[in-house]
Structures are given as C-alpha cells and as structure tokens.
C-alpha cells in the first residue's frame, strides 16, 4: 500500500506492508511514537490503527516539558 506522509513541510510517498500500523510507520521513519502525533485530515490517528491505501498523513512533533 502507498501512503503520503507530510513531515516538516515535506511530502514523501511510502510503500508499506498491508499489516502496517501507524506505530510501524513512525518506526520506518525513525521517529519516536511518544514524541509525534499522526493526523488524518484534522483527526489524530491511534498508534494501533492501520493506514489506508492512498492516505495522506501529517506527522507533528510534540513539544513538552516545563
């Protein structure tokens, strides 16, 4: 399956296995799941969800601290 990922204002098309999850997608990009949020449109996608073929997913880095 192919998905488009938008990260840091750059767009990239990735080929993923049919059983890929959002968490494995982040792993493929060497991104930590606890430091990023994946959005489909304006809706956050849980790490356990599977992307759909043709999805455009936006990845946002989360900043936290005190």
N, C-alpha and C. Protein backbone atom coordinates (compact mmCIF):
# COMPACT_ATOMS: atom_id res chain seq x y z
N UNK A 1 0.84 -1.17 0.00
CA UNK A 1 0.00 0.00 0.00
C UNK A 1 0.88 1.23 0.00
N UNK A 2 0.38 2.31 -0.59
CA UNK A 2 1.11 3.57 -0.63
C UNK A 2 0.38 4.62 0.18
N UNK A 3 1.16 5.34 1.00
CA UNK A 3 0.62 6.47 1.76
C UNK A 3 1.55 7.66 1.55
N UNK A 4 0.97 8.84 1.62
CA UNK A 4 1.75 10.08 1.55
C UNK A 4 1.91 10.60 2.96
N UNK A 5 3.14 10.90 3.32
CA UNK A 5 3.45 11.40 4.66
C UNK A 5 3.98 12.82 4.53
N UNK A 6 3.40 13.73 5.31
CA UNK A 6 3.87 15.11 5.33
C UNK A 6 4.53 15.34 6.68
N UNK A 7 5.81 15.67 6.63
CA UNK A 7 6.61 15.88 7.84
C UNK A 7 7.53 17.06 7.60
N UNK A 8 7.48 18.04 8.48
CA UNK A 8 8.33 19.24 8.34
C UNK A 8 8.14 19.91 6.98
N UNK A 9 6.89 20.01 6.55
CA UNK A 9 6.51 20.67 5.29
C UNK A 9 7.04 19.95 4.05
N UNK A 10 7.52 18.71 4.22
CA UNK A 10 7.95 17.90 3.08
C UNK A 10 7.03 16.71 2.93
N UNK A 11 6.75 16.38 1.70
CA UNK A 11 5.84 15.28 1.41
C UNK A 11 6.64 14.13 0.82
N UNK A 12 6.31 12.90 1.24
CA UNK A 12 7.00 11.71 0.78
C UNK A 12 5.99 10.58 0.64
N UNK A 13 6.09 9.83 -0.44
CA UNK A 13 5.23 8.67 -0.63
C UNK A 13 5.99 7.44 -0.15
N UNK A 14 5.35 6.67 0.74
CA UNK A 14 5.96 5.46 1.30
C UNK A 14 5.18 4.23 0.87
N UNK A 15 5.90 3.15 0.63
CA UNK A 15 5.28 1.85 0.41
C UNK A 15 5.29 1.10 1.73
N UNK A 16 4.13 0.66 2.19
CA UNK A 16 4.01 -0.04 3.45
C UNK A 16 3.42 -1.43 3.23
N UNK A 17 3.73 -2.34 4.15
CA UNK A 17 3.10 -3.66 4.14
C UNK A 17 1.62 -3.50 4.46
N UNK A 18 0.83 -4.46 4.02
CA UNK A 18 -0.62 -4.41 4.27
C UNK A 18 -0.95 -4.45 5.76
N UNK A 19 -0.08 -5.06 6.57
CA UNK A 19 -0.34 -5.16 8.01
C UNK A 19 0.32 -4.05 8.83
N UNK A 20 0.81 -3.01 8.15
CA UNK A 20 1.48 -1.90 8.83
C UNK A 20 0.51 -1.15 9.74
N UNK A 21 1.04 -0.63 10.83
CA UNK A 21 0.28 0.22 11.74
C UNK A 21 0.90 1.62 11.72
N UNK A 22 0.23 2.54 12.36
CA UNK A 22 0.78 3.89 12.48
C UNK A 22 2.10 3.84 13.25
N UNK A 23 2.16 3.00 14.27
CA UNK A 23 3.40 2.87 15.05
C UNK A 23 4.54 2.35 14.18
N UNK A 24 4.28 1.36 13.33
CA UNK A 24 5.34 0.83 12.46
C UNK A 24 5.73 1.85 11.40
N UNK A 25 4.79 2.67 10.96
CA UNK A 25 5.09 3.76 10.03
C UNK A 25 6.09 4.72 10.67
N UNK A 26 5.84 5.12 11.92
CA UNK A 26 6.77 6.00 12.62
C UNK A 26 8.14 5.34 12.77
N UNK A 27 8.14 4.04 13.06
CA UNK A 27 9.40 3.32 13.17
C UNK A 27 10.18 3.33 11.86
N UNK A 28 9.48 3.18 10.75
CA UNK A 28 10.12 3.20 9.44
C UNK A 28 10.79 4.54 9.18
N UNK A 29 10.23 5.59 9.76
CA UNK A 29 10.79 6.94 9.60
C UNK A 29 11.77 7.30 10.72
N UNK A 30 12.08 6.34 11.59
CA UNK A 30 12.97 6.56 12.74
C UNK A 30 12.47 7.68 13.64
N UNK A 31 11.14 7.70 13.88
CA UNK A 31 10.52 8.68 14.76
C UNK A 31 9.95 7.98 15.98
N UNK A 32 10.06 8.61 17.13
CA UNK A 32 9.54 8.04 18.37
C UNK A 32 8.03 8.27 18.47
N UNK A 33 7.27 7.21 18.71
CA UNK A 33 5.81 7.35 18.80
C UNK A 33 5.36 8.29 19.92
N UNK A 34 6.10 8.34 21.02
CA UNK A 34 5.68 9.21 22.12
C UNK A 34 6.05 10.67 21.91
N UNK A 35 6.73 10.97 20.80
CA UNK A 35 7.14 12.35 20.52
C UNK A 35 6.45 12.91 19.27
N UNK A 36 5.51 12.13 18.68
CA UNK A 36 4.86 12.56 17.44
C UNK A 36 3.38 12.20 17.45
N UNK A 37 2.60 13.04 16.78
CA UNK A 37 1.18 12.77 16.57
C UNK A 37 0.97 12.64 15.07
N UNK A 38 0.20 11.64 14.67
CA UNK A 38 -0.12 11.43 13.27
C UNK A 38 -1.57 11.84 13.06
N UNK A 39 -1.79 12.67 12.04
CA UNK A 39 -3.13 13.17 11.74
C UNK A 39 -3.58 12.69 10.37
N UNK A 40 -4.84 12.29 10.29
CA UNK A 40 -5.51 12.02 9.02
C UNK A 40 -6.54 13.13 8.88
N UNK A 41 -6.26 14.07 7.99
CA UNK A 41 -7.07 15.30 7.96
C UNK A 41 -6.76 16.08 9.22
N UNK A 42 -7.79 16.34 10.03
CA UNK A 42 -7.58 17.04 11.31
C UNK A 42 -7.75 16.11 12.49
N UNK A 43 -7.85 14.80 12.22
CA UNK A 43 -8.14 13.83 13.27
C UNK A 43 -6.89 13.04 13.65
N UNK A 44 -6.50 13.03 14.93
CA UNK A 44 -5.38 12.19 15.36
C UNK A 44 -5.68 10.71 15.13
N UNK A 45 -4.66 9.97 14.74
CA UNK A 45 -4.81 8.55 14.46
C UNK A 45 -4.09 7.75 15.55
N UNK A 46 -4.78 6.82 16.21
CA UNK A 46 -4.12 6.00 17.24
C UNK A 46 -2.98 5.16 16.65
N UNK A 47 -1.98 4.90 17.46
CA UNK A 47 -0.81 4.14 17.01
C UNK A 47 -1.16 2.75 16.52
N UNK A 48 -2.22 2.16 17.06
CA UNK A 48 -2.59 0.79 16.68
C UNK A 48 -3.41 0.73 15.39
N UNK A 49 -3.88 1.87 14.89
CA UNK A 49 -4.65 1.88 13.65
C UNK A 49 -3.76 1.57 12.45
N UNK A 50 -4.41 1.09 11.41
CA UNK A 50 -3.71 0.81 10.16
C UNK A 50 -3.99 1.94 9.17
N UNK A 51 -2.97 2.40 8.46
CA UNK A 51 -3.22 3.40 7.42
C UNK A 51 -3.98 2.75 6.27
N UNK A 52 -4.70 3.56 5.53
CA UNK A 52 -5.41 3.10 4.34
C UNK A 52 -4.60 3.43 3.10
N UNK A 53 -4.71 2.57 2.10
CA UNK A 53 -4.03 2.84 0.83
C UNK A 53 -4.47 4.20 0.31
N UNK A 54 -3.52 5.05 -0.03
CA UNK A 54 -3.83 6.37 -0.56
C UNK A 54 -3.97 7.46 0.50
N UNK A 55 -3.84 7.10 1.77
CA UNK A 55 -3.93 8.10 2.85
C UNK A 55 -2.88 9.19 2.69
N UNK A 56 -3.24 10.39 3.13
CA UNK A 56 -2.26 11.45 3.34
C UNK A 56 -2.23 11.70 4.84
N UNK A 57 -1.10 11.43 5.45
CA UNK A 57 -0.93 11.53 6.89
C UNK A 57 0.06 12.63 7.21
N UNK A 58 -0.30 13.47 8.15
CA UNK A 58 0.58 14.55 8.58
C UNK A 58 1.16 14.17 9.93
N UNK A 59 2.47 14.32 10.09
CA UNK A 59 3.13 13.99 11.34
C UNK A 59 3.63 15.27 11.98
N UNK A 60 3.24 15.44 13.24
CA UNK A 60 3.61 16.63 14.00
C UNK A 60 4.43 16.21 15.21
N UNK A 61 5.56 16.90 15.40
CA UNK A 61 6.38 16.65 16.58
C UNK A 61 5.75 17.35 17.78
N UNK A 62 5.68 16.64 18.89
CA UNK A 62 5.08 17.17 20.11
C UNK A 62 6.19 17.70 21.01
N UNK A 63 6.02 18.92 21.46
CA UNK A 63 6.97 19.51 22.40
C UNK A 63 6.33 19.54 23.78
N UNK A 64 7.07 19.05 24.76
CA UNK A 64 6.56 19.08 26.13
C UNK A 64 7.71 19.37 27.08
N UNK A 65 7.36 19.69 28.26
CA UNK A 65 8.39 19.97 29.25
C UNK A 65 7.95 21.08 30.18
N UNK A 66 8.86 21.51 31.00
CA UNK A 66 8.50 22.53 31.96
C UNK A 66 9.39 23.70 31.94
